[in-house]
Amino acid sequence: DAITVSRIVKRNKRFDEIGELSNHARVAIVGDGPYREEL
């Protein structure tokens, strides 16, 4: 339903809204980074 492509970092990216959307739709996240494991 939605996709995002990004380096997964804290400082200038925010994934909370996209993460919440993933509980209601098919959301794909492309990318890697130091914040990925926690997210």
PDB file of all heavy atoms in Angstrom:
ATOM      1  N   ASP A   1       0.833  -1.197   0.000  1.00  0.00           N
ATOM      2  CA  ASP A   1       0.000   0.000   0.000  1.00  0.00           C
ATOM      3  C   ASP A   1       0.871   1.251   0.000  1.00  0.00           C
ATOM      4  O   ASP A   1       0.526   2.260  -0.609  1.00  0.00           O
ATOM      5  CB  ASP A   1      -0.910   0.012   1.224  1.00  0.00           C
ATOM      6  CG  ASP A   1      -1.923  -1.116   1.197  1.00  0.00           C
ATOM      7  OD1 ASP A   1      -2.596  -1.285   0.167  1.00  0.00           O
ATOM      8  OD2 ASP A   1      -2.027  -1.851   2.207  1.00  0.00           O
ATOM      9  N   ALA A   2       1.970   1.177   0.714  1.00  0.00           N
ATOM     10  CA  ALA A   2       2.897   2.303   0.785  1.00  0.00           C
ATOM     11  C   ALA A   2       4.318   1.771   0.912  1.00  0.00           C
ATOM     12  O   ALA A   2       4.542   0.697   1.474  1.00  0.00           O
ATOM     13  CB  ALA A   2       2.567   3.213   1.962  1.00  0.00           C
ATOM     14  N   ILE A   3       5.253   2.537   0.393  1.00  0.00           N
ATOM     15  CA  ILE A   3       6.659   2.157   0.485  1.00  0.00           C
ATOM     16  C   ILE A   3       7.459   3.397   0.829  1.00  0.00           C
ATOM     17  O   ILE A   3       7.076   4.524   0.482  1.00  0.00           O
ATOM     18  CB  ILE A   3       7.164   1.528  -0.841  1.00  0.00           C
ATOM     19  CG1 ILE A   3       8.533   0.862  -0.650  1.00  0.00           C
ATOM     20  CG2 ILE A   3       7.209   2.566  -1.973  1.00  0.00           C
ATOM     21  CD1 ILE A   3       8.962   0.006  -1.839  1.00  0.00           C
ATOM     22  N   THR A   4       8.557   3.227   1.543  1.00  0.00           N
ATOM     23  CA  THR A   4       9.480   4.330   1.787  1.00  0.00           C
ATOM     24  C   THR A   4      10.890   3.824   1.564  1.00  0.00           C
ATOM     25  O   THR A   4      11.187   2.644   1.813  1.00  0.00           O
ATOM     26  CB  THR A   4       9.321   4.906   3.210  1.00  0.00           C
ATOM     27  OG1 THR A   4      10.057   6.116   3.315  1.00  0.00           O
ATOM     28  CG2 THR A   4       9.786   3.923   4.275  1.00  0.00           C
ATOM     29  N   VAL A   5      11.729   4.714   1.058  1.00  0.00           N
ATOM     30  CA  VAL A   5      13.129   4.379   0.780  1.00  0.00           C
ATOM     31  C   VAL A   5      13.980   5.415   1.497  1.00  0.00           C
ATOM     32  O   VAL A   5      13.898   6.615   1.203  1.00  0.00           O
ATOM     33  CB  VAL A   5      13.423   4.402  -0.730  1.00  0.00           C
ATOM     34  CG1 VAL A   5      14.884   4.018  -0.987  1.00  0.00           C
ATOM     35  CG2 VAL A   5      12.477   3.482  -1.479  1.00  0.00           C
ATOM     36  N   SER A   6      14.798   4.959   2.446  1.00  0.00           N
ATOM     37  CA  SER A   6      15.518   5.937   3.259  1.00  0.00           C
ATOM     38  C   SER A   6      16.645   5.266   4.030  1.00  0.00           C
ATOM     39  O   SER A   6      16.583   4.080   4.344  1.00  0.00           O
ATOM     40  CB  SER A   6      14.550   6.595   4.254  1.00  0.00           C
ATOM     41  OG  SER A   6      15.239   7.409   5.159  1.00  0.00           O
ATOM     42  N   ARG A   7      17.656   6.063   4.336  1.00  0.00           N
ATOM     43  CA  ARG A   7      18.633   5.621   5.319  1.00  0.00           C
ATOM     44  C   ARG A   7      17.946   5.688   6.683  1.00  0.00           C
ATOM     45  O   ARG A   7      17.275   6.672   7.009  1.00  0.00           O
ATOM     46  CB  ARG A   7      19.867   6.517   5.289  1.00  0.00           C
ATOM     47  CG  ARG A   7      20.941   6.099   6.276  1.00  0.00           C
ATOM     48  CD  ARG A   7      22.282   6.705   5.926  1.00  0.00           C
ATOM     49  NE  ARG A   7      23.230   6.621   7.003  1.00  0.00           N
ATOM     50  CZ  ARG A   7      23.847   5.507   7.408  1.00  0.00           C
ATOM     51  NH1 ARG A   7      23.602   4.369   6.795  1.00  0.00           N
ATOM     52  NH2 ARG A   7      24.714   5.525   8.400  1.00  0.00           N
ATOM     53  N   ILE A   8      18.090   4.643   7.481  1.00  0.00           N
ATOM     54  CA  ILE A   8      17.335   4.543   8.728  1.00  0.00           C
ATOM     55  C   ILE A   8      18.180   5.096   9.876  1.00  0.00           C
ATOM     56  O   ILE A   8      18.971   4.391  10.499  1.00  0.00           O
ATOM     57  CB  ILE A   8      16.892   3.089   8.976  1.00  0.00           C
ATOM     58  CG1 ILE A   8      16.067   2.600   7.773  1.00  0.00           C
ATOM     59  CG2 ILE A   8      16.072   2.996  10.258  1.00  0.00           C
ATOM     60  CD1 ILE A   8      15.636   1.168   7.849  1.00  0.00           C
ATOM     61  N   VAL A   9      18.001   6.394  10.094  1.00  0.00           N
ATOM     62  CA  VAL A   9      18.737   7.113  11.121  1.00  0.00           C
ATOM     63  C   VAL A   9      17.753   7.917  11.965  1.00  0.00           C
ATOM     64  O   VAL A   9      16.604   8.120  11.577  1.00  0.00           O
ATOM     65  CB  VAL A   9      19.785   8.057  10.500  1.00  0.00           C
ATOM     66  CG1 VAL A   9      20.883   7.266   9.817  1.00  0.00           C
ATOM     67  CG2 VAL A   9      19.122   9.020   9.510  1.00  0.00           C
ATOM     68  N   LYS A  10      18.208   8.403  13.118  1.00  0.00           N
ATOM     69  CA  LYS A  10      17.332   9.140  14.027  1.00  0.00           C
ATOM     70  C   LYS A  10      17.283  10.631  13.717  1.00  0.00           C
ATOM     71  O   LYS A  10      16.238  11.259  13.790  1.00  0.00           O
ATOM     72  CB  LYS A  10      17.816   8.966  15.470  1.00  0.00           C
ATOM     73  CG  LYS A  10      17.274   7.746  16.181  1.00  0.00           C
ATOM     74  CD  LYS A  10      17.674   7.793  17.647  1.00  0.00           C
ATOM     75  CE  LYS A  10      17.081   6.628  18.423  1.00  0.00           C
ATOM     76  NZ  LYS A  10      17.434   6.668  19.851  1.00  0.00           N
ATOM     77  N   ARG A  11      18.389  11.224  13.373  1.00  0.00           N
ATOM     78  CA  ARG A  11      18.507  12.679  13.423  1.00  0.00           C
ATOM     79  C   ARG A  11      17.581  13.403  12.463  1.00  0.00           C
ATOM     80  O   ARG A  11      16.910  14.354  12.824  1.00  0.00           O
ATOM     81  CB  ARG A  11      19.958  13.089  13.143  1.00  0.00           C
ATOM     82  CG  ARG A  11      20.216  14.574  13.334  1.00  0.00           C
ATOM     83  CD  ARG A  11      21.694  14.889  13.285  1.00  0.00           C
ATOM     84  NE  ARG A  11      21.944  16.292  13.560  1.00  0.00           N
ATOM     85  CZ  ARG A  11      21.993  17.226  12.642  1.00  0.00           C
ATOM     86  NH1 ARG A  11      21.786  16.913  11.372  1.00  0.00           N
ATOM     87  NH2 ARG A  11      22.250  18.501  12.940  1.00  0.00           N
ATOM     88  N   ASN A  12      17.546  12.984  11.201  1.00  0.00           N
ATOM     89  CA  ASN A  12      16.729  13.735  10.236  1.00  0.00           C
ATOM     90  C   ASN A  12      15.703  12.868   9.521  1.00  0.00           C
ATOM     91  O   ASN A  12      15.259  13.202   8.428  1.00  0.00           O
ATOM     92  CB  ASN A  12      17.623  14.445   9.216  1.00  0.00           C
ATOM     93  CG  ASN A  12      18.481  13.477   8.411  1.00  0.00           C
ATOM     94  OD1 ASN A  12      18.470  12.281   8.677  1.00  0.00           O
ATOM     95  ND2 ASN A  12      19.214  13.985   7.452  1.00  0.00           N
ATOM     96  N   LYS A  13      15.348  11.762  10.148  1.00  0.00           N
ATOM     97  CA  LYS A  13      14.272  10.900   9.641  1.00  0.00           C
ATOM     98  C   LYS A  13      13.391  10.497  10.824  1.00  0.00           C
ATOM     99  O   LYS A  13      13.878  10.329  11.940  1.00  0.00           O
ATOM    100  CB  LYS A  13      14.832   9.644   8.962  1.00  0.00           C
ATOM    101  CG  LYS A  13      15.649   9.915   7.702  1.00  0.00           C
ATOM    102  CD  LYS A  13      14.771  10.356   6.548  1.00  0.00           C
ATOM    103  CE  LYS A  13      15.564  10.468   5.247  1.00  0.00           C
ATOM    104  NZ  LYS A  13      16.552  11.549   5.265  1.00  0.00           N
ATOM    105  N   ARG A  14      12.096  10.314  10.556  1.00  0.00           N
ATOM    106  CA  ARG A  14      11.200   9.885  11.625  1.00  0.00           C
ATOM    107  C   ARG A  14      10.260   8.834  11.054  1.00  0.00           C
ATOM    108  O   ARG A  14       9.537   9.101  10.092  1.00  0.00           O
ATOM    109  CB  ARG A  14      10.409  11.083  12.162  1.00  0.00           C
ATOM    110  CG  ARG A  14       9.347  10.696  13.160  1.00  0.00           C
ATOM    111  CD  ARG A  14       8.812  11.901  13.875  1.00  0.00           C
ATOM    112  NE  ARG A  14       7.503  11.636  14.449  1.00  0.00           N
ATOM    113  CZ  ARG A  14       6.935  12.379  15.373  1.00  0.00           C
ATOM    114  NH1 ARG A  14       7.560  13.432  15.839  1.00  0.00           N
ATOM    115  NH2 ARG A  14       5.741  12.092  15.828  1.00  0.00           N
ATOM    116  N   PHE A  15      10.260   7.658  11.678  1.00  0.00           N
ATOM    117  CA  PHE A  15       9.511   6.517  11.163  1.00  0.00           C
ATOM    118  C   PHE A  15       8.293   6.159  12.013  1.00  0.00           C
ATOM    119  O   PHE A  15       7.598   5.186  11.699  1.00  0.00           O
ATOM    120  CB  PHE A  15      10.429   5.292  11.067  1.00  0.00           C
ATOM    121  CG  PHE A  15      11.511   5.427  10.033  1.00  0.00           C
ATOM    122  CD1 PHE A  15      12.708   6.059  10.332  1.00  0.00           C
ATOM    123  CD2 PHE A  15      11.327   4.931   8.751  1.00  0.00           C
ATOM    124  CE1 PHE A  15      13.706   6.180   9.375  1.00  0.00           C
ATOM    125  CE2 PHE A  15      12.312   5.051   7.795  1.00  0.00           C
ATOM    126  CZ  PHE A  15      13.501   5.677   8.107  1.00  0.00           C
ATOM    127  N   ASP A  16       8.006   6.919  13.063  1.00  0.00           N
ATOM    128  CA  ASP A  16       6.930   6.529  13.964  1.00  0.00           C
ATOM    129  C   ASP A  16       5.567   6.492  13.267  1.00  0.00           C
ATOM    130  O   ASP A  16       4.793   5.553  13.455  1.00  0.00           O
ATOM    131  CB  ASP A  16       6.877   7.476  15.166  1.00  0.00           C
ATOM    132  CG  ASP A  16       8.097   7.325  16.059  1.00  0.00           C
ATOM    133  OD1 ASP A  16       8.538   6.187  16.269  1.00  0.00           O
ATOM    134  OD2 ASP A  16       8.621   8.347  16.523  1.00  0.00           O
ATOM    135  N   GLU A  17       5.267   7.508  12.466  1.00  0.00           N
ATOM    136  CA  GLU A  17       3.975   7.532  11.776  1.00  0.00           C
ATOM    137  C   GLU A  17       3.881   6.406  10.754  1.00  0.00           C
ATOM    138  O   GLU A  17       2.831   5.759  10.603  1.00  0.00           O
ATOM    139  CB  GLU A  17       3.770   8.885  11.086  1.00  0.00           C
ATOM    140  CG  GLU A  17       3.580  10.048  12.033  1.00  0.00           C
ATOM    141  CD  GLU A  17       4.884  10.619  12.563  1.00  0.00           C
ATOM    142  OE1 GLU A  17       5.965  10.191  12.087  1.00  0.00           O
ATOM    143  OE2 GLU A  17       4.837  11.499  13.433  1.00  0.00           O
ATOM    144  N   ILE A  18       4.985   6.163  10.058  1.00  0.00           N
ATOM    145  CA  ILE A  18       4.992   5.084   9.074  1.00  0.00           C
ATOM    146  C   ILE A  18       4.880   3.732   9.769  1.00  0.00           C
ATOM    147  O   ILE A  18       4.201   2.810   9.292  1.00  0.00           O
ATOM    148  CB  ILE A  18       6.264   5.175   8.197  1.00  0.00           C
ATOM    149  CG1 ILE A  18       6.208   6.458   7.363  1.00  0.00           C
ATOM    150  CG2 ILE A  18       6.417   3.946   7.306  1.00  0.00           C
ATOM    151  CD1 ILE A  18       7.476   6.739   6.572  1.00  0.00           C
ATOM    152  N   GLY A  19       5.547   3.614  10.915  1.00  0.00           N
ATOM    153  CA  GLY A  19       5.432   2.381  11.686  1.00  0.00           C
ATOM    154  C   GLY A  19       4.003   2.139  12.159  1.00  0.00           C
ATOM    155  O   GLY A  19       3.505   1.009  12.111  1.00  0.00           O
ATOM    156  N   GLU A  20       3.323   3.201  12.607  1.00  0.00           N
ATOM    157  CA  GLU A  20       1.923   3.068  13.031  1.00  0.00           C
ATOM    158  C   GLU A  20       1.044   2.677  11.845  1.00  0.00           C
ATOM    159  O   GLU A  20       0.147   1.841  11.977  1.00  0.00           O
ATOM    160  CB  GLU A  20       1.437   4.388  13.637  1.00  0.00           C
ATOM    161  CG  GLU A  20      -0.034   4.404  14.029  1.00  0.00           C
ATOM    162  CD  GLU A  20      -0.393   3.336  15.050  1.00  0.00           C
ATOM    163  OE1 GLU A  20       0.495   2.903  15.832  1.00  0.00           O
ATOM    164  OE2 GLU A  20      -1.572   2.921  15.070  1.00  0.00           O
ATOM    165  N   LEU A  21       1.322   3.249  10.675  1.00  0.00           N
ATOM    166  CA  LEU A  21       0.554   2.895   9.485  1.00  0.00           C
ATOM    167  C   LEU A  21       0.726   1.417   9.135  1.00  0.00           C
ATOM    168  O   LEU A  21      -0.210   0.774   8.637  1.00  0.00           O
ATOM    169  CB  LEU A  21       0.992   3.767   8.312  1.00  0.00           C
ATOM    170  CG  LEU A  21       0.251   3.565   6.984  1.00  0.00           C
ATOM    171  CD1 LEU A  21      -1.241   3.846   7.128  1.00  0.00           C
ATOM    172  CD2 LEU A  21       0.868   4.437   5.892  1.00  0.00           C
ATOM    173  N   SER A  22       1.899   0.860   9.454  1.00  0.00           N
ATOM    174  CA  SER A  22       2.157  -0.552   9.130  1.00  0.00           C
ATOM    175  C   SER A  22       1.274  -1.502   9.931  1.00  0.00           C
ATOM    176  O   SER A  22       1.144  -2.680   9.589  1.00  0.00           O
ATOM    177  CB  SER A  22       3.632  -0.885   9.363  1.00  0.00           C
ATOM    178  OG  SER A  22       3.940  -0.926  10.749  1.00  0.00           O
ATOM    179  N   ASN A  23       0.666  -1.003  11.007  1.00  0.00           N
ATOM    180  CA  ASN A  23      -0.264  -1.829  11.779  1.00  0.00           C
ATOM    181  C   ASN A  23      -1.639  -1.909  11.133  1.00  0.00           C
ATOM    182  O   ASN A  23      -2.496  -2.675  11.585  1.00  0.00           O
ATOM    183  CB  ASN A  23      -0.398  -1.268  13.201  1.00  0.00           C
ATOM    184  CG  ASN A  23       0.890  -1.384  13.999  1.00  0.00           C
ATOM    185  OD1 ASN A  23       1.623  -2.355  13.857  1.00  0.00           O
ATOM    186  ND2 ASN A  23       1.164  -0.387  14.834  1.00  0.00           N
ATOM    187  N   HIS A  24      -1.843  -1.109  10.075  1.00  0.00           N
ATOM    188  CA  HIS A  24      -3.156  -1.045   9.428  1.00  0.00           C
ATOM    189  C   HIS A  24      -3.092  -1.277   7.917  1.00  0.00           C
ATOM    190  O   HIS A  24      -4.139  -1.365   7.273  1.00  0.00           O
ATOM    191  CB  HIS A  24      -3.793   0.324   9.691  1.00  0.00           C
ATOM    192  CG  HIS A  24      -3.910   0.665  11.138  1.00  0.00           C
ATOM    193  ND1 HIS A  24      -5.023   0.365  11.892  1.00  0.00           N
ATOM    194  CD2 HIS A  24      -3.024   1.274  11.977  1.00  0.00           C
ATOM    195  CE1 HIS A  24      -4.828   0.786  13.122  1.00  0.00           C
ATOM    196  NE2 HIS A  24      -3.636   1.341  13.212  1.00  0.00           N
ATOM    197  N   ALA A  25      -1.879  -1.342   7.354  1.00  0.00           N
ATOM    198  CA  ALA A  25      -1.739  -1.478   5.901  1.00  0.00           C
ATOM    199  C   ALA A  25      -0.413  -2.161   5.592  1.00  0.00           C
ATOM    200  O   ALA A  25       0.429  -2.365   6.476  1.00  0.00           O
ATOM    201  CB  ALA A  25      -1.803  -0.097   5.236  1.00  0.00           C
ATOM    202  N   ARG A  26      -0.239  -2.500   4.330  1.00  0.00           N
ATOM    203  CA  ARG A  26       0.996  -3.169   3.891  1.00  0.00           C
ATOM    204  C   ARG A  26       2.036  -2.092   3.585  1.00  0.00           C
ATOM    205  O   ARG A  26       1.999  -1.457   2.532  1.00  0.00           O
ATOM    206  CB  ARG A  26       0.727  -4.015   2.649  1.00  0.00           C
ATOM    207  CG  ARG A  26      -0.310  -5.121   2.838  1.00  0.00           C
ATOM    208  CD  ARG A  26      -0.705  -5.726   1.497  1.00  0.00           C
ATOM    209  NE  ARG A  26      -1.264  -4.709   0.587  1.00  0.00           N
ATOM    210  CZ  ARG A  26      -1.497  -4.896  -0.702  1.00  0.00           C
ATOM    211  NH1 ARG A  26      -1.208  -6.063  -1.262  1.00  0.00           N
ATOM    212  NH2 ARG A  26      -1.997  -3.920  -1.444  1.00  0.00           N
ATOM    213  N   VAL A  27       2.957  -1.921   4.501  1.00  0.00           N
ATOM    214  CA  VAL A  27       3.948  -0.857   4.386  1.00  0.00           C
ATOM    215  C   VAL A  27       5.347  -1.470   4.283  1.00  0.00           C
ATOM    216  O   VAL A  27       5.759  -2.228   5.173  1.00  0.00           O
ATOM    217  CB  VAL A  27       3.886   0.102   5.588  1.00  0.00           C
ATOM    218  CG1 VAL A  27       4.971   1.161   5.475  1.00  0.00           C
ATOM    219  CG2 VAL A  27       2.507   0.746   5.672  1.00  0.00           C
ATOM    220  N   ALA A  28       6.054  -1.140   3.212  1.00  0.00           N
ATOM    221  CA  ALA A  28       7.408  -1.651   3.004  1.00  0.00           C
ATOM    222  C   ALA A  28       8.419  -0.548   3.303  1.00  0.00           C
ATOM    223  O   ALA A  28       8.229   0.610   2.909  1.00  0.00           O
ATOM    224  CB  ALA A  28       7.577  -2.139   1.569  1.00  0.00           C
ATOM    225  N   ILE A  29       9.490  -0.921   3.986  1.00  0.00           N
ATOM    226  CA  ILE A  29      10.555   0.026   4.322  1.00  0.00           C
ATOM    227  C   ILE A  29      11.859  -0.484   3.711  1.00  0.00           C
ATOM    228  O   ILE A  29      12.341  -1.563   4.055  1.00  0.00           O
ATOM    229  CB  ILE A  29      10.693   0.194   5.842  1.00  0.00           C
ATOM    230  CG1 ILE A  29       9.388   0.747   6.431  1.00  0.00           C
ATOM    231  CG2 ILE A  29      11.865   1.117   6.181  1.00  0.00           C
ATOM    232  CD1 ILE A  29       9.383   0.862   7.947  1.00  0.00           C
ATOM    233  N   VAL A  30      12.396   0.319   2.791  1.00  0.00           N
ATOM    234  CA  VAL A  30      13.642  -0.031   2.109  1.00  0.00           C
ATOM    235  C   VAL A  30      14.767   0.805   2.693  1.00  0.00           C
ATOM    236  O   VAL A  30      14.645   2.027   2.810  1.00  0.00           O
ATOM    237  CB  VAL A  30      13.531   0.240   0.595  1.00  0.00           C
ATOM    238  CG1 VAL A  30      14.858  -0.079  -0.096  1.00  0.00           C
ATOM    239  CG2 VAL A  30      12.398  -0.561  -0.005  1.00  0.00           C
ATOM    240  N   GLY A  31      15.849   0.164   3.083  1.00  0.00           N
ATOM    241  CA  GLY A  31      16.995   0.900   3.597  1.00  0.00           C
ATOM    242  C   GLY A  31      17.592   0.246   4.814  1.00  0.00           C
ATOM    243  O   GLY A  31      17.037  -0.710   5.372  1.00  0.00           O
ATOM    244  N   ASP A  32      18.725   0.778   5.224  1.00  0.00           N
ATOM    245  CA  ASP A  32      19.422   0.241   6.386  1.00  0.00           C
ATOM    246  C   ASP A  32      20.042   1.406   7.140  1.00  0.00           C
ATOM    247  O   ASP A  32      20.080   2.537   6.657  1.00  0.00           O
ATOM    248  CB  ASP A  32      20.492  -0.746   5.944  1.00  0.00           C
ATOM    249  CG  ASP A  32      20.854  -1.732   7.042  1.00  0.00           C
ATOM    250  OD1 ASP A  32      20.338  -1.580   8.169  1.00  0.00           O
ATOM    251  OD2 ASP A  32      21.658  -2.639   6.782  1.00  0.00           O
ATOM    252  N   GLY A  33      20.521   1.122   8.333  1.00  0.00           N
ATOM    253  CA  GLY A  33      21.137   2.153   9.142  1.00  0.00           C
ATOM    254  C   GLY A  33      21.154   1.761  10.602  1.00  0.00           C
ATOM    255  O   GLY A  33      20.584   0.733  10.998  1.00  0.00           O
ATOM    256  N   PRO A  34      21.800   2.558  11.426  1.00  0.00           N
ATOM    257  CA  PRO A  34      21.988   2.202  12.837  1.00  0.00           C
ATOM    258  C   PRO A  34      20.708   2.111  13.653  1.00  0.00           C
ATOM    259  O   PRO A  34      20.703   1.526  14.737  1.00  0.00           O
ATOM    260  CB  PRO A  34      22.885   3.338  13.360  1.00  0.00           C
ATOM    261  CG  PRO A  34      22.680   4.469  12.405  1.00  0.00           C
ATOM    262  CD  PRO A  34      22.439   3.834  11.079  1.00  0.00           C
ATOM    263  N   TYR A  35      19.619   2.682  13.131  1.00  0.00           N
ATOM    264  CA  TYR A  35      18.357   2.712  13.879  1.00  0.00           C
ATOM    265  C   TYR A  35      17.426   1.566  13.470  1.00  0.00           C
ATOM    266  O   TYR A  35      16.360   1.397  14.060  1.00  0.00           O
ATOM    267  CB  TYR A  35      17.696   4.064  13.605  1.00  0.00           C
ATOM    268  CG  TYR A  35      16.592   4.485  14.544  1.00  0.00           C
ATOM    269  CD1 TYR A  35      16.600   4.147  15.894  1.00  0.00           C
ATOM    270  CD2 TYR A  35      15.537   5.251  14.072  1.00  0.00           C
ATOM    271  CE1 TYR A  35      15.585   4.557  16.739  1.00  0.00           C
ATOM    272  CE2 TYR A  35      14.512   5.682  14.912  1.00  0.00           C
ATOM    273  CZ  TYR A  35      14.542   5.320  16.239  1.00  0.00           C
ATOM    274  OH  TYR A  35      13.544   5.741  17.075  1.00  0.00           O
ATOM    275  N   ARG A  36      17.833   0.787  12.499  1.00  0.00           N
ATOM    276  CA  ARG A  36      16.917  -0.203  11.930  1.00  0.00           C
ATOM    277  C   ARG A  36      16.507  -1.281  12.943  1.00  0.00           C
ATOM    278  O   ARG A  36      15.324  -1.622  13.057  1.00  0.00           O
ATOM    279  CB  ARG A  36      17.550  -0.869  10.705  1.00  0.00           C
ATOM    280  CG  ARG A  36      16.657  -1.957  10.122  1.00  0.00           C
ATOM    281  CD  ARG A  36      17.304  -2.697   8.984  1.00  0.00           C
ATOM    282  NE  ARG A  36      16.532  -3.880   8.622  1.00  0.00           N
ATOM    283  CZ  ARG A  36      16.912  -4.743   7.700  1.00  0.00           C
ATOM    284  NH1 ARG A  36      18.031  -4.580   7.044  1.00  0.00           N
ATOM    285  NH2 ARG A  36      16.160  -5.798   7.439  1.00  0.00           N
ATOM    286  N   GLU A  37      17.471  -1.830  13.655  1.00  0.00           N
ATOM    287  CA  GLU A  37      17.166  -2.945  14.562  1.00  0.00           C
ATOM    288  C   GLU A  37      16.134  -2.540  15.609  1.00  0.00           C
ATOM    289  O   GLU A  37      15.184  -3.282  15.881  1.00  0.00           O
ATOM    290  CB  GLU A  37      18.454  -3.425  15.239  1.00  0.00           C
ATOM    291  CG  GLU A  37      18.259  -4.675  16.083  1.00  0.00           C
ATOM    292  CD  GLU A  37      19.563  -5.200  16.655  1.00  0.00           C
ATOM    293  OE1 GLU A  37      20.640  -4.802  16.143  1.00  0.00           O
ATOM    294  OE2 GLU A  37      19.507  -5.996  17.604  1.00  0.00           O
ATOM    295  N   GLU A  38      16.302  -1.336  16.165  1.00  0.00           N
ATOM    296  CA  GLU A  38      15.357  -0.861  17.177  1.00  0.00           C
ATOM    297  C   GLU A  38      13.963  -0.674  16.577  1.00  0.00           C
ATOM    298  O   GLU A  38      12.956  -1.072  17.169  1.00  0.00           O
ATOM    299  CB  GLU A  38      15.853   0.469  17.752  1.00  0.00           C
ATOM    300  CG  GLU A  38      14.931   1.066  18.800  1.00  0.00           C
ATOM    301  CD  GLU A  38      15.449   2.378  19.340  1.00  0.00           C
ATOM    302  OE1 GLU A  38      16.679   2.601  19.288  1.00  0.00           O
ATOM    303  OE2 GLU A  38      14.616   3.182  19.821  1.00  0.00           O
ATOM    304  N   LEU A  39      13.891  -0.074  15.396  1.00  0.00           N
ATOM    305  CA  LEU A  39      12.598   0.152  14.759  1.00  0.00           C
ATOM    306  C   LEU A  39      11.920  -1.151  14.349  1.00  0.00           C
ATOM    307  O   LEU A  39      10.702  -1.283  14.418  1.00  0.00           O
ATOM    308  CB  LEU A  39      12.770   1.050  13.532  1.00  0.00           C
ATOM    309  CG  LEU A  39      12.948   2.546  13.786  1.00  0.00           C
ATOM    310  CD1 LEU A  39      13.241   3.269  12.491  1.00  0.00           C
ATOM    311  CD2 LEU A  39      11.708   3.138  14.453  1.00  0.00           C
TER     312      LEU A  39
END
